Amino acid sequence: MPREENPFLGERGIRIGFDQPELLRTQFRAILRSARSGKVRIMFPMIARLEELRDAKAMLEQERQRLGIDAIEVGIMIEIPAAAIMAEQFAKEVDFFSVGTNDLTQYTLAMDRGHPKLAPYVDGLNPAVLRLIDLTVKGADKHGKWVGICGGIGSDPQAIPILVGLGVKELSVSVPSIPSVKAQIRNLSMAACQQLAAQALAAETAADVRQLCPLEDG
């Protein structure tokens, strides 16, 4: 790939596939063939426009028909604010959403999470990010679709009660974090989580949100 002036706003995710369609079709065929051995879902990354989703689905359907394989569930990553804002429209055309909170946070705040000076401020519990997650869940709910979280806050003990309260149905976490996350969720009250989520959405800063869920000592 040629060097880009601003790669974070350039050819990433699905955009590379559209630029190199045979590469994308090869990936689709590989995923579809693997569906013969078990349940498989596919997510399209870096979707910003409905046209992108429709074009990707059309290519996937062409390859599916050529292989004669049953349809599989299709979702998109919610990594770009535009996708979160348009979640209700996207939800009509997908089976699920997965919120990529790391990228969604840095695109929302216009801060690179690897920047030596700005990284401390790139917090997925910023109320602006939480409001976009809330929009995503509400848009999905209107069409009976579910929302998962893929990103750092999925295993953040201060974030988990808020995400549950917002209506997130699935958390993607690293293997070592699974026992502690499950244990935490088992002790949560849905009503309390929903009240906490409402407070978080009304907060002014990420620090204010974190004060709502102080970490336990030890």
N, C-alpha and C. Protein backbone atom coordinates (compact mmCIF):
# COMPACT_ATOMS: atom_id res chain seq x y z
N MET A 1 0.84 -1.20 0.00
CA MET A 1 0.00 0.00 0.00
C MET A 1 0.87 1.25 0.00
N PRO A 2 0.51 2.25 -0.76
CA PRO A 2 1.29 3.48 -0.75
C PRO A 2 1.15 4.22 0.57
N ARG A 3 2.16 5.00 0.88
CA ARG A 3 2.11 5.79 2.12
C ARG A 3 0.99 6.81 2.02
N GLU A 4 0.28 7.01 3.13
CA GLU A 4 -0.81 7.97 3.17
C GLU A 4 -0.47 9.11 4.13
N GLU A 5 -0.94 10.28 3.81
CA GLU A 5 -0.68 11.45 4.65
C GLU A 5 -1.32 11.27 6.03
N ASN A 6 -2.53 10.69 6.06
CA ASN A 6 -3.22 10.48 7.33
C ASN A 6 -3.88 9.10 7.29
N PRO A 7 -3.14 8.06 7.62
CA PRO A 7 -3.65 6.69 7.46
C PRO A 7 -4.88 6.38 8.30
N PHE A 8 -5.07 7.05 9.44
CA PHE A 8 -6.25 6.80 10.26
C PHE A 8 -7.53 7.24 9.55
N LEU A 9 -7.39 8.13 8.60
CA LEU A 9 -8.54 8.58 7.82
C LEU A 9 -8.44 8.12 6.37
N GLY A 10 -7.65 7.10 6.15
CA GLY A 10 -7.40 6.62 4.79
C GLY A 10 -7.97 5.24 4.55
N GLU A 11 -7.22 4.42 3.83
CA GLU A 11 -7.69 3.09 3.44
C GLU A 11 -7.41 2.10 4.56
N ARG A 12 -8.41 1.91 5.40
CA ARG A 12 -8.35 0.94 6.48
C ARG A 12 -9.58 0.05 6.39
N GLY A 13 -9.51 -1.13 6.99
CA GLY A 13 -10.68 -1.99 7.08
C GLY A 13 -11.29 -2.32 5.73
N ILE A 14 -12.59 -2.16 5.64
CA ILE A 14 -13.32 -2.53 4.42
C ILE A 14 -12.85 -1.73 3.22
N ARG A 15 -12.30 -0.56 3.45
CA ARG A 15 -11.86 0.28 2.34
C ARG A 15 -10.73 -0.38 1.55
N ILE A 16 -9.87 -1.12 2.23
CA ILE A 16 -8.82 -1.85 1.54
C ILE A 16 -9.44 -2.92 0.65
N GLY A 17 -10.49 -3.57 1.18
CA GLY A 17 -11.15 -4.60 0.40
C GLY A 17 -11.78 -4.07 -0.86
N PHE A 18 -12.36 -2.89 -0.78
CA PHE A 18 -12.97 -2.32 -1.98
C PHE A 18 -11.89 -1.91 -2.98
N ASP A 19 -10.73 -1.50 -2.48
CA ASP A 19 -9.64 -1.12 -3.38
C ASP A 19 -9.00 -2.35 -4.01
N GLN A 20 -9.05 -3.47 -3.27
CA GLN A 20 -8.49 -4.73 -3.77
C GLN A 20 -9.57 -5.82 -3.67
N PRO A 21 -10.58 -5.75 -4.53
CA PRO A 21 -11.75 -6.63 -4.38
C PRO A 21 -11.44 -8.12 -4.44
N GLU A 22 -10.43 -8.52 -5.19
CA GLU A 22 -10.13 -9.95 -5.25
C GLU A 22 -9.59 -10.45 -3.92
N LEU A 23 -8.85 -9.60 -3.23
CA LEU A 23 -8.39 -9.96 -1.89
C LEU A 23 -9.58 -10.13 -0.95
N LEU A 24 -10.53 -9.20 -1.02
CA LEU A 24 -11.72 -9.28 -0.17
C LEU A 24 -12.54 -10.53 -0.51
N ARG A 25 -12.70 -10.81 -1.78
CA ARG A 25 -13.48 -11.99 -2.17
C ARG A 25 -12.79 -13.29 -1.72
N THR A 26 -11.47 -13.30 -1.75
CA THR A 26 -10.74 -14.47 -1.26
C THR A 26 -11.00 -14.68 0.22
N GLN A 27 -11.00 -13.59 0.97
CA GLN A 27 -11.29 -13.68 2.41
C GLN A 27 -12.72 -14.15 2.65
N PHE A 28 -13.65 -13.63 1.87
CA PHE A 28 -15.04 -14.06 2.01
C PHE A 28 -15.18 -15.56 1.76
N ARG A 29 -14.54 -16.04 0.71
CA ARG A 29 -14.64 -17.47 0.40
C ARG A 29 -14.06 -18.33 1.52
N ALA A 30 -12.96 -17.88 2.08
CA ALA A 30 -12.34 -18.64 3.18
C ALA A 30 -13.27 -18.70 4.39
N ILE A 31 -13.90 -17.57 4.72
CA ILE A 31 -14.82 -17.54 5.85
C ILE A 31 -16.04 -18.42 5.57
N LEU A 32 -16.57 -18.31 4.38
CA LEU A 32 -17.75 -19.10 4.02
C LEU A 32 -17.45 -20.59 4.06
N ARG A 33 -16.29 -20.99 3.57
CA ARG A 33 -15.93 -22.42 3.61
C ARG A 33 -15.81 -22.90 5.05
N SER A 34 -15.28 -22.06 5.92
CA SER A 34 -15.14 -22.47 7.32
C SER A 34 -16.50 -22.65 7.99
N ALA A 35 -17.54 -22.00 7.43
CA ALA A 35 -18.88 -22.13 7.99
C ALA A 35 -19.44 -23.54 7.82
N ARG A 36 -18.83 -24.34 6.95
CA ARG A 36 -19.27 -25.72 6.79
C ARG A 36 -18.93 -26.56 8.02
N SER A 37 -17.99 -26.09 8.82
CA SER A 37 -17.53 -26.86 9.98
C SER A 37 -18.10 -26.35 11.30
N GLY A 38 -18.89 -25.30 11.26
CA GLY A 38 -19.45 -24.76 12.50
C GLY A 38 -20.08 -23.42 12.27
N LYS A 39 -20.64 -22.87 13.35
CA LYS A 39 -21.32 -21.58 13.23
C LYS A 39 -20.30 -20.46 13.08
N VAL A 40 -20.50 -19.65 12.07
CA VAL A 40 -19.58 -18.54 11.77
C VAL A 40 -20.38 -17.28 11.54
N ARG A 41 -19.90 -16.19 12.06
CA ARG A 41 -20.46 -14.88 11.76
C ARG A 41 -19.35 -14.06 11.09
N ILE A 42 -19.76 -13.04 10.36
CA ILE A 42 -18.77 -12.16 9.73
C ILE A 42 -19.08 -10.72 10.09
N MET A 43 -18.02 -9.96 10.37
CA MET A 43 -18.17 -8.53 10.65
C MET A 43 -17.37 -7.74 9.63
N PHE A 44 -17.97 -6.69 9.13
CA PHE A 44 -17.25 -5.78 8.24
C PHE A 44 -16.66 -4.65 9.08
N PRO A 45 -15.35 -4.40 8.96
CA PRO A 45 -14.72 -3.35 9.76
C PRO A 45 -14.71 -1.99 9.08
N MET A 46 -14.70 -0.95 9.89
CA MET A 46 -14.55 0.43 9.41
C MET A 46 -15.67 0.86 8.47
N ILE A 47 -16.89 0.49 8.81
CA ILE A 47 -18.03 0.91 8.01
C ILE A 47 -18.46 2.30 8.46
N ALA A 48 -18.58 3.21 7.49
CA ALA A 48 -19.00 4.57 7.80
C ALA A 48 -20.29 4.95 7.07
N ARG A 49 -20.53 4.28 5.92
CA ARG A 49 -21.67 4.65 5.08
C ARG A 49 -22.50 3.41 4.74
N LEU A 50 -23.80 3.61 4.59
CA LEU A 50 -24.67 2.50 4.23
C LEU A 50 -24.26 1.88 2.90
N GLU A 51 -23.77 2.70 1.98
CA GLU A 51 -23.35 2.18 0.69
C GLU A 51 -22.24 1.14 0.84
N GLU A 52 -21.35 1.37 1.80
CA GLU A 52 -20.25 0.42 2.03
C GLU A 52 -20.80 -0.92 2.50
N LEU A 53 -21.73 -0.87 3.44
CA LEU A 53 -22.33 -2.10 3.94
C LEU A 53 -23.02 -2.86 2.81
N ARG A 54 -23.79 -2.15 2.02
CA ARG A 54 -24.54 -2.80 0.95
C ARG A 54 -23.61 -3.40 -0.10
N ASP A 55 -22.55 -2.69 -0.43
CA ASP A 55 -21.59 -3.22 -1.41
C ASP A 55 -20.90 -4.47 -0.88
N ALA A 56 -20.51 -4.44 0.40
CA ALA A 56 -19.83 -5.59 1.00
C ALA A 56 -20.77 -6.78 1.08
N LYS A 57 -22.01 -6.55 1.46
CA LYS A 57 -23.00 -7.63 1.53
C LYS A 57 -23.25 -8.23 0.14
N ALA A 58 -23.28 -7.39 -0.87
CA ALA A 58 -23.51 -7.89 -2.23
C ALA A 58 -22.37 -8.79 -2.68
N MET A 59 -21.13 -8.39 -2.37
CA MET A 59 -19.98 -9.22 -2.73
C MET A 59 -20.01 -10.54 -1.97
N LEU A 60 -20.33 -10.48 -0.68
CA LEU A 60 -20.41 -11.69 0.13
C LEU A 60 -21.49 -12.62 -0.41
N GLU A 61 -22.63 -12.09 -0.79
CA GLU A 61 -23.73 -12.90 -1.31
C GLU A 61 -23.34 -13.57 -2.63
N GLN A 62 -22.62 -12.85 -3.47
CA GLN A 62 -22.17 -13.44 -4.73
C GLN A 62 -21.28 -14.66 -4.47
N GLU A 63 -20.35 -14.51 -3.55
CA GLU A 63 -19.44 -15.62 -3.25
C GLU A 63 -20.19 -16.76 -2.56
N ARG A 64 -21.15 -16.44 -1.72
CA ARG A 64 -21.94 -17.48 -1.05
C ARG A 64 -22.71 -18.33 -2.06
N GLN A 65 -23.32 -17.66 -3.01
CA GLN A 65 -24.09 -18.40 -4.01
C GLN A 65 -23.19 -19.26 -4.88
N ARG A 66 -22.01 -18.76 -5.19
CA ARG A 66 -21.08 -19.54 -6.01
C ARG A 66 -20.63 -20.81 -5.30
N LEU A 67 -20.50 -20.71 -3.98
CA LEU A 67 -20.05 -21.86 -3.19
C LEU A 67 -21.21 -22.75 -2.77
N GLY A 68 -22.44 -22.24 -2.88
CA GLY A 68 -23.60 -23.02 -2.48
C GLY A 68 -23.67 -23.26 -0.99
N ILE A 69 -23.32 -22.24 -0.22
CA ILE A 69 -23.30 -22.35 1.24
C ILE A 69 -24.47 -21.57 1.83
N ASP A 70 -25.02 -22.08 2.93
CA ASP A 70 -26.13 -21.39 3.58
C ASP A 70 -25.69 -20.01 4.06
N ALA A 71 -26.65 -19.12 4.19
CA ALA A 71 -26.35 -17.76 4.64
C ALA A 71 -25.81 -17.76 6.06
N ILE A 72 -24.92 -16.83 6.34
CA ILE A 72 -24.38 -16.67 7.70
C ILE A 72 -24.74 -15.28 8.21
N GLU A 73 -24.68 -15.12 9.53
CA GLU A 73 -25.01 -13.84 10.12
C GLU A 73 -23.95 -12.80 9.76
N VAL A 74 -24.40 -11.59 9.52
CA VAL A 74 -23.51 -10.50 9.12
C VAL A 74 -23.69 -9.33 10.07
N GLY A 75 -22.58 -8.77 10.52
CA GLY A 75 -22.62 -7.59 11.37
C GLY A 75 -21.58 -6.59 10.93
N ILE A 76 -21.55 -5.47 11.63
CA ILE A 76 -20.52 -4.47 11.36
C ILE A 76 -19.88 -4.01 12.66
N MET A 77 -18.65 -3.58 12.54
CA MET A 77 -17.98 -2.91 13.64
C MET A 77 -18.46 -1.46 13.68
N ILE A 78 -18.81 -1.02 14.86
CA ILE A 78 -19.14 0.39 15.07
C ILE A 78 -17.88 1.06 15.62
N GLU A 79 -17.10 1.61 14.72
CA GLU A 79 -15.82 2.22 15.09
C GLU A 79 -15.77 3.70 14.74
N ILE A 80 -16.70 4.11 13.90
CA ILE A 80 -16.71 5.48 13.39
C ILE A 80 -17.98 6.15 13.89
N PRO A 81 -17.89 7.36 14.43
CA PRO A 81 -19.09 8.02 14.96
C PRO A 81 -20.27 8.04 14.01
N ALA A 82 -20.01 8.18 12.71
CA ALA A 82 -21.11 8.19 11.73
C ALA A 82 -21.94 6.92 11.80
N ALA A 83 -21.30 5.77 12.02
CA ALA A 83 -22.02 4.51 12.10
C ALA A 83 -22.88 4.45 13.36
N ALA A 84 -22.36 4.97 14.47
CA ALA A 84 -23.15 5.00 15.70
C ALA A 84 -24.36 5.90 15.56
N ILE A 85 -24.17 7.05 14.95
CA ILE A 85 -25.27 7.99 14.77
C ILE A 85 -26.35 7.41 13.86
N MET A 86 -25.94 6.62 12.89
CA MET A 86 -26.87 6.01 11.93
C MET A 86 -27.21 4.57 12.30
N ALA A 87 -27.03 4.22 13.55
CA ALA A 87 -27.20 2.83 13.96
C ALA A 87 -28.58 2.28 13.63
N GLU A 88 -29.62 3.08 13.80
CA GLU A 88 -30.97 2.59 13.52
C GLU A 88 -31.11 2.18 12.06
N GLN A 89 -30.50 2.95 11.16
CA GLN A 89 -30.57 2.61 9.74
C GLN A 89 -29.73 1.37 9.43
N PHE A 90 -28.54 1.29 10.02
CA PHE A 90 -27.69 0.12 9.79
C PHE A 90 -28.34 -1.15 10.34
N ALA A 91 -29.04 -1.01 11.47
CA ALA A 91 -29.63 -2.19 12.13
C ALA A 91 -30.67 -2.88 11.27
N LYS A 92 -31.24 -2.16 10.32
CA LYS A 92 -32.21 -2.77 9.40
C LYS A 92 -31.55 -3.79 8.48
N GLU A 93 -30.23 -3.68 8.32
CA GLU A 93 -29.55 -4.45 7.28
C GLU A 93 -28.48 -5.40 7.79
N VAL A 94 -28.36 -5.51 9.12
CA VAL A 94 -27.37 -6.42 9.70
C VAL A 94 -28.02 -7.28 10.78
N ASP A 95 -27.28 -8.26 11.27
CA ASP A 95 -27.77 -9.12 12.34
C ASP A 95 -27.28 -8.69 13.70
N PHE A 96 -26.18 -7.96 13.76
CA PHE A 96 -25.62 -7.54 15.05
C PHE A 96 -24.61 -6.42 14.83
N PHE A 97 -24.26 -5.77 15.94
CA PHE A 97 -23.21 -4.76 15.95
C PHE A 97 -22.13 -5.19 16.95
N SER A 98 -20.90 -4.83 16.67
CA SER A 98 -19.82 -4.93 17.65
C SER A 98 -19.13 -3.57 17.71
N VAL A 99 -19.19 -2.95 18.88
CA VAL A 99 -18.62 -1.61 19.04
C VAL A 99 -17.13 -1.73 19.31
N GLY A 100 -16.32 -1.24 18.38
CA GLY A 100 -14.87 -1.22 18.57
C GLY A 100 -14.49 0.02 19.36
N THR A 101 -14.49 -0.10 20.67
CA THR A 101 -14.38 1.10 21.51
C THR A 101 -13.03 1.79 21.41
N ASN A 102 -11.97 1.06 21.10
CA ASN A 102 -10.68 1.72 21.00
C ASN A 102 -10.67 2.74 19.86
N ASP A 103 -11.08 2.29 18.67
CA ASP A 103 -11.12 3.21 17.54
C ASP A 103 -12.24 4.23 17.68
N LEU A 104 -13.40 3.81 18.18
CA LEU A 104 -14.50 4.76 18.34
C LEU A 104 -14.09 5.91 19.26
N THR A 105 -13.33 5.59 20.29
CA THR A 105 -12.90 6.63 21.23
C THR A 105 -11.94 7.60 20.56
N GLN A 106 -10.96 7.08 19.83
CA GLN A 106 -9.99 8.00 19.25
C GLN A 106 -10.58 8.80 18.09
N TYR A 107 -11.53 8.23 17.36
CA TYR A 107 -12.18 9.01 16.30
C TYR A 107 -13.13 10.06 16.89
N THR A 108 -13.77 9.71 17.99
CA THR A 108 -14.69 10.67 18.62
C THR A 108 -13.94 11.85 19.22
N LEU A 109 -12.82 11.57 19.86
CA LEU A 109 -12.05 12.62 20.55
C LEU A 109 -10.96 13.22 19.66
N ALA A 110 -10.77 12.67 18.45
CA ALA A 110 -9.72 13.13 17.55
C ALA A 110 -8.36 13.09 18.25
N MET A 111 -8.12 11.97 18.96
CA MET A 111 -6.86 11.77 19.67
C MET A 111 -6.36 10.37 19.40
N ASP A 112 -5.10 10.25 19.01
CA ASP A 112 -4.47 8.97 18.78
C ASP A 112 -4.13 8.35 20.13
N ARG A 113 -4.64 7.13 20.37
CA ARG A 113 -4.40 6.52 21.68
C ARG A 113 -2.93 6.18 21.91
N GLY A 114 -2.11 6.24 20.85
CA GLY A 114 -0.68 6.01 21.00
C GLY A 114 0.13 7.28 21.10
N HIS A 115 -0.55 8.43 21.09
CA HIS A 115 0.17 9.72 21.14
C HIS A 115 0.80 9.92 22.52
N PRO A 116 2.09 10.29 22.56
CA PRO A 116 2.77 10.39 23.86
C PRO A 116 2.18 11.42 24.80
N LYS A 117 1.55 12.46 24.28
CA LYS A 117 0.98 13.49 25.15
C LYS A 117 -0.53 13.32 25.34
N LEU A 118 -1.22 12.84 24.32
CA LEU A 118 -2.68 12.79 24.37
C LEU A 118 -3.24 11.48 24.89
N ALA A 119 -2.45 10.40 24.86
CA ALA A 119 -2.95 9.08 25.22
C ALA A 119 -3.68 9.03 26.57
N PRO A 120 -3.21 9.77 27.61
CA PRO A 120 -3.91 9.70 28.90
C PRO A 120 -5.35 10.19 28.85
N TYR A 121 -5.68 10.97 27.83
CA TYR A 121 -7.04 11.52 27.73
C TYR A 121 -7.96 10.68 26.86
N VAL A 122 -7.41 9.64 26.24
CA VAL A 122 -8.21 8.78 25.36
C VAL A 122 -8.88 7.71 26.21
N ASP A 123 -10.03 8.04 26.76
CA ASP A 123 -10.72 7.19 27.72
C ASP A 123 -12.09 6.80 27.15
N GLY A 124 -12.33 5.51 27.03
CA GLY A 124 -13.59 5.03 26.50
C GLY A 124 -14.79 5.36 27.36
N LEU A 125 -14.56 5.79 28.59
CA LEU A 125 -15.66 6.20 29.46
C LEU A 125 -15.96 7.69 29.36
N ASN A 126 -15.38 8.35 28.37
CA ASN A 126 -15.77 9.73 28.10
C ASN A 126 -17.27 9.74 27.78
N PRO A 127 -18.03 10.67 28.36
CA PRO A 127 -19.47 10.67 28.10
C PRO A 127 -19.85 10.75 26.63
N ALA A 128 -19.03 11.39 25.82
CA ALA A 128 -19.33 11.46 24.39
C ALA A 128 -19.31 10.07 23.77
N VAL A 129 -18.35 9.25 24.17
CA VAL A 129 -18.26 7.88 23.66
C VAL A 129 -19.43 7.06 24.17
N LEU A 130 -19.75 7.21 25.45
CA LEU A 130 -20.88 6.47 26.02
C LEU A 130 -22.20 6.83 25.34
N ARG A 131 -22.34 8.08 24.97
CA ARG A 131 -23.58 8.47 24.28
C ARG A 131 -23.67 7.84 22.90
N LEU A 132 -22.53 7.66 22.25
CA LEU A 132 -22.54 6.98 20.95
C LEU A 132 -22.86 5.49 21.12
N ILE A 133 -22.36 4.89 22.19
CA ILE A 133 -22.72 3.49 22.46
C ILE A 133 -24.20 3.39 22.76
N ASP A 134 -24.72 4.34 23.51
CA ASP A 134 -26.15 4.37 23.82
C ASP A 134 -26.98 4.49 22.55
N LEU A 135 -26.57 5.35 21.64
CA LEU A 135 -27.27 5.48 20.35
C LEU A 135 -27.24 4.17 19.58
N THR A 136 -26.09 3.50 19.62
CA THR A 136 -25.95 2.23 18.91
C THR A 136 -26.91 1.19 19.46
N VAL A 137 -26.96 1.07 20.78
CA VAL A 137 -27.84 0.08 21.41
C VAL A 137 -29.31 0.39 21.12
N LYS A 138 -29.67 1.65 21.23
CA LYS A 138 -31.07 2.02 20.98
C LYS A 138 -31.46 1.76 19.52
N GLY A 139 -30.55 2.06 18.61
CA GLY A 139 -30.82 1.80 17.20
C GLY A 139 -30.97 0.32 16.93
N ALA A 140 -30.11 -0.50 17.57
CA ALA A 140 -30.19 -1.95 17.39
C ALA A 140 -31.47 -2.51 18.00
N ASP A 141 -31.82 -2.02 19.18
CA ASP A 141 -33.01 -2.52 19.87
C ASP A 141 -34.28 -2.32 19.04
N LYS A 142 -34.34 -1.24 18.30
CA LYS A 142 -35.54 -0.96 17.52
C LYS A 142 -35.80 -2.02 16.45
N HIS A 143 -34.75 -2.75 16.09
CA HIS A 143 -34.90 -3.77 15.06
C HIS A 143 -34.55 -5.17 15.59
N GLY A 144 -34.53 -5.29 16.92
CA GLY A 144 -34.31 -6.60 17.52
C GLY A 144 -32.92 -7.16 17.33
N LYS A 145 -31.92 -6.30 17.19
CA LYS A 145 -30.54 -6.76 16.99
C LYS A 145 -29.74 -6.56 18.29
N TRP A 146 -28.67 -7.31 18.44
CA TRP A 146 -27.88 -7.22 19.66
C TRP A 146 -26.56 -6.49 19.42
N VAL A 147 -26.00 -5.99 20.51
CA VAL A 147 -24.77 -5.19 20.44
C VAL A 147 -23.72 -5.80 21.37
N GLY A 148 -22.53 -5.99 20.84
CA GLY A 148 -21.40 -6.42 21.65
C GLY A 148 -20.36 -5.33 21.75
N ILE A 149 -19.43 -5.50 22.66
CA ILE A 149 -18.33 -4.55 22.84
C ILE A 149 -17.02 -5.27 22.55
N CYS A 150 -16.23 -4.70 21.67
CA CYS A 150 -14.89 -5.21 21.38
C CYS A 150 -13.92 -4.05 21.59
N GLY A 151 -13.14 -4.11 22.64
CA GLY A 151 -12.23 -3.01 22.92
C GLY A 151 -11.84 -3.03 24.38
N GLY A 152 -10.98 -2.10 24.74
CA GLY A 152 -10.41 -2.09 26.08
C GLY A 152 -11.42 -2.02 27.21
N ILE A 153 -12.50 -1.25 27.01
CA ILE A 153 -13.43 -1.08 28.14
C ILE A 153 -14.28 -2.34 28.37
N GLY A 154 -14.23 -3.30 27.45
CA GLY A 154 -14.98 -4.52 27.65
C GLY A 154 -14.53 -5.31 28.87
N SER A 155 -13.28 -5.13 29.28
CA SER A 155 -12.77 -5.81 30.47
C SER A 155 -12.39 -4.82 31.57
N ASP A 156 -12.85 -3.59 31.44
CA ASP A 156 -12.58 -2.56 32.44
C ASP A 156 -13.65 -2.66 33.53
N PRO A 157 -13.28 -3.02 34.77
CA PRO A 157 -14.29 -3.22 35.82
C PRO A 157 -15.12 -1.98 36.11
N GLN A 158 -14.58 -0.78 35.82
CA GLN A 158 -15.36 0.43 36.02
C GLN A 158 -16.37 0.64 34.90
N ALA A 159 -16.09 0.08 33.75
CA ALA A 159 -16.98 0.25 32.60
C ALA A 159 -18.07 -0.80 32.52
N ILE A 160 -17.80 -2.01 33.00
CA ILE A 160 -18.72 -3.13 32.81
C ILE A 160 -20.13 -2.84 33.32
N PRO A 161 -20.32 -2.32 34.55
CA PRO A 161 -21.70 -2.06 34.99
C PRO A 161 -22.42 -1.05 34.11
N ILE A 162 -21.69 -0.07 33.60
CA ILE A 162 -22.30 0.95 32.74
C ILE A 162 -22.70 0.33 31.41
N LEU A 163 -21.84 -0.50 30.84
CA LEU A 163 -22.15 -1.16 29.56
C LEU A 163 -23.36 -2.07 29.71
N VAL A 164 -23.42 -2.81 30.81
CA VAL A 164 -24.59 -3.66 31.06
C VAL A 164 -25.84 -2.81 31.16
N GLY A 165 -25.73 -1.68 31.87
CA GLY A 165 -26.88 -0.79 32.02
C GLY A 165 -27.33 -0.15 30.72
N LEU A 166 -26.39 0.04 29.79
CA LEU A 166 -26.73 0.60 28.49
C LEU A 166 -27.44 -0.41 27.59
N GLY A 167 -27.34 -1.68 27.95
CA GLY A 167 -28.01 -2.72 27.16
C GLY A 167 -27.09 -3.53 26.28
N VAL A 168 -25.79 -3.41 26.48
CA VAL A 168 -24.83 -4.22 25.72
C VAL A 168 -25.02 -5.69 26.10
N LYS A 169 -25.04 -6.56 25.11
CA LYS A 169 -25.34 -7.98 25.34
C LYS A 169 -24.11 -8.87 25.39
N GLU A 170 -22.98 -8.41 24.88
CA GLU A 170 -21.80 -9.27 24.82
C GLU A 170 -20.55 -8.44 25.04
N LEU A 171 -19.61 -8.99 25.80
CA LEU A 171 -18.32 -8.34 26.02
C LEU A 171 -17.22 -9.24 25.48
N SER A 172 -16.38 -8.69 24.63
CA SER A 172 -15.23 -9.43 24.12
C SER A 172 -14.02 -9.06 24.97
N VAL A 173 -13.46 -10.05 25.66
CA VAL A 173 -12.36 -9.78 26.58
C VAL A 173 -11.25 -10.80 26.36
N SER A 174 -10.07 -10.48 26.87
CA SER A 174 -8.95 -11.42 26.77
C SER A 174 -9.22 -12.62 27.67
N VAL A 175 -8.64 -13.76 27.31
CA VAL A 175 -8.89 -15.00 28.05
C VAL A 175 -8.60 -14.87 29.55
N PRO A 176 -7.49 -14.26 29.98
CA PRO A 176 -7.25 -14.17 31.42
C PRO A 176 -8.29 -13.35 32.17
N SER A 177 -9.02 -12.48 31.46
CA SER A 177 -10.00 -11.63 32.13
C SER A 177 -11.37 -12.28 32.29
N ILE A 178 -11.61 -13.40 31.61
CA ILE A 178 -12.95 -13.99 31.59
C ILE A 178 -13.47 -14.31 32.99
N PRO A 179 -12.71 -15.00 33.86
CA PRO A 179 -13.27 -15.34 35.18
C PRO A 179 -13.66 -14.12 36.01
N SER A 180 -12.81 -13.09 36.02
CA SER A 180 -13.12 -11.91 36.84
C SER A 180 -14.30 -11.14 36.28
N VAL A 181 -14.41 -11.06 34.94
CA VAL A 181 -15.53 -10.36 34.33
C VAL A 181 -16.84 -11.10 34.62
N LYS A 182 -16.83 -12.42 34.48
CA LYS A 182 -18.03 -13.19 34.78
C LYS A 182 -18.43 -13.04 36.25
N ALA A 183 -17.45 -13.09 37.13
CA ALA A 183 -17.75 -12.96 38.56
C ALA A 183 -18.35 -11.59 38.87
N GLN A 184 -17.82 -10.55 38.24
CA GLN A 184 -18.35 -9.21 38.47
C GLN A 184 -19.79 -9.10 37.98
N ILE A 185 -20.05 -9.63 36.77
CA ILE A 185 -21.39 -9.50 36.20
C ILE A 185 -22.42 -10.27 37.02
N ARG A 186 -22.03 -11.41 37.57
CA ARG A 186 -22.97 -12.21 38.37
C ARG A 186 -23.46 -11.44 39.60
N ASN A 187 -22.67 -10.51 40.08
CA ASN A 187 -23.04 -9.76 41.29
C ASN A 187 -23.72 -8.43 40.99
N LEU A 188 -24.01 -8.17 39.71
CA LEU A 188 -24.62 -6.89 39.36
C LEU A 188 -26.15 -6.98 39.36
N SER A 189 -26.77 -5.86 39.67
CA SER A 189 -28.23 -5.72 39.56
C SER A 189 -28.52 -4.93 38.29
N MET A 190 -29.41 -5.43 37.43
CA MET A 190 -29.72 -4.73 36.20
C MET A 190 -30.29 -3.35 36.48
N ALA A 191 -31.18 -3.25 37.46
CA ALA A 191 -31.77 -1.95 37.79
C ALA A 191 -30.70 -0.95 38.22
N ALA A 192 -29.76 -1.42 39.04
CA ALA A 192 -28.68 -0.54 39.50
C ALA A 192 -27.77 -0.14 38.33
N CYS A 193 -27.52 -1.09 37.43
CA CYS A 193 -26.68 -0.78 36.27
C CYS A 193 -27.36 0.25 35.36
N GLN A 194 -28.65 0.13 35.18
CA GLN A 194 -29.38 1.08 34.34
C GLN A 194 -29.36 2.48 34.95
N GLN A 195 -29.49 2.55 36.27
CA GLN A 195 -29.42 3.85 36.94
C GLN A 195 -28.02 4.43 36.81
N LEU A 196 -27.01 3.58 36.93
CA LEU A 196 -25.62 4.01 36.80
C LEU A 196 -25.35 4.51 35.38
N ALA A 197 -25.86 3.80 34.39
CA ALA A 197 -25.67 4.20 33.00
C ALA A 197 -26.30 5.57 32.73
N ALA A 198 -27.47 5.81 33.30
CA ALA A 198 -28.12 7.11 33.13
C ALA A 198 -27.27 8.22 33.73
N GLN A 199 -26.68 7.96 34.88
CA GLN A 199 -25.81 8.96 35.50
C GLN A 199 -24.56 9.19 34.66
N ALA A 200 -24.02 8.13 34.10
CA ALA A 200 -22.82 8.25 33.28
C ALA A 200 -23.09 9.07 32.03
N LEU A 201 -24.25 8.86 31.41
CA LEU A 201 -24.59 9.62 30.20
C LEU A 201 -24.77 11.11 30.51
N ALA A 202 -25.14 11.41 31.73
CA ALA A 202 -25.34 12.81 32.12
C ALA A 202 -24.08 13.46 32.66
N ALA A 203 -23.01 12.67 32.84
CA ALA A 203 -21.76 13.20 33.40
C ALA A 203 -21.08 14.13 32.40
N GLU A 204 -20.13 14.89 32.90
CA GLU A 204 -19.44 15.89 32.07
C GLU A 204 -18.07 15.43 31.59
N THR A 205 -17.42 14.59 32.35
CA THR A 205 -16.06 14.16 32.00
C THR A 205 -15.90 12.67 32.27
N ALA A 206 -14.85 12.09 31.67
CA ALA A 206 -14.55 10.68 31.92
C ALA A 206 -14.20 10.46 33.39
N ALA A 207 -13.52 11.43 33.99
CA ALA A 207 -13.19 11.30 35.41
C ALA A 207 -14.45 11.25 36.26
N ASP A 208 -15.44 12.05 35.90
CA ASP A 208 -16.71 12.02 36.63
C ASP A 208 -17.37 10.65 36.51
N VAL A 209 -17.30 10.06 35.31
CA VAL A 209 -17.89 8.74 35.12
C VAL A 209 -17.17 7.71 35.98
N ARG A 210 -15.85 7.78 36.02
CA ARG A 210 -15.10 6.81 36.81
C ARG A 210 -15.35 6.95 38.30
N GLN A 211 -15.68 8.15 38.73
CA GLN A 211 -15.99 8.34 40.15
C GLN A 211 -17.31 7.66 40.52
N LEU A 212 -18.16 7.43 39.52
CA LEU A 212 -19.40 6.73 39.78
C LEU A 212 -19.17 5.26 40.10
N CYS A 213 -18.03 4.72 39.62
CA CYS A 213 -17.71 3.29 39.79
C CYS A 213 -16.29 3.17 40.35
N PRO A 214 -16.09 3.57 41.60
CA PRO A 214 -14.73 3.50 42.13
C PRO A 214 -14.23 2.06 42.22
N LEU A 215 -12.95 1.88 41.98
CA LEU A 215 -12.35 0.55 42.04
C LEU A 215 -12.25 0.12 43.50
N GLU A 216 -12.55 -1.16 43.74
CA GLU A 216 -12.44 -1.67 45.10
C GLU A 216 -10.97 -1.89 45.46
N ASP A 217 -10.62 -1.64 46.70
CA ASP A 217 -9.25 -1.85 47.14
C ASP A 217 -8.93 -3.34 47.15
N GLY A 218 -7.69 -3.62 46.78
CA GLY A 218 -7.24 -5.02 46.79
C GLY A 218 -7.70 -5.78 45.58
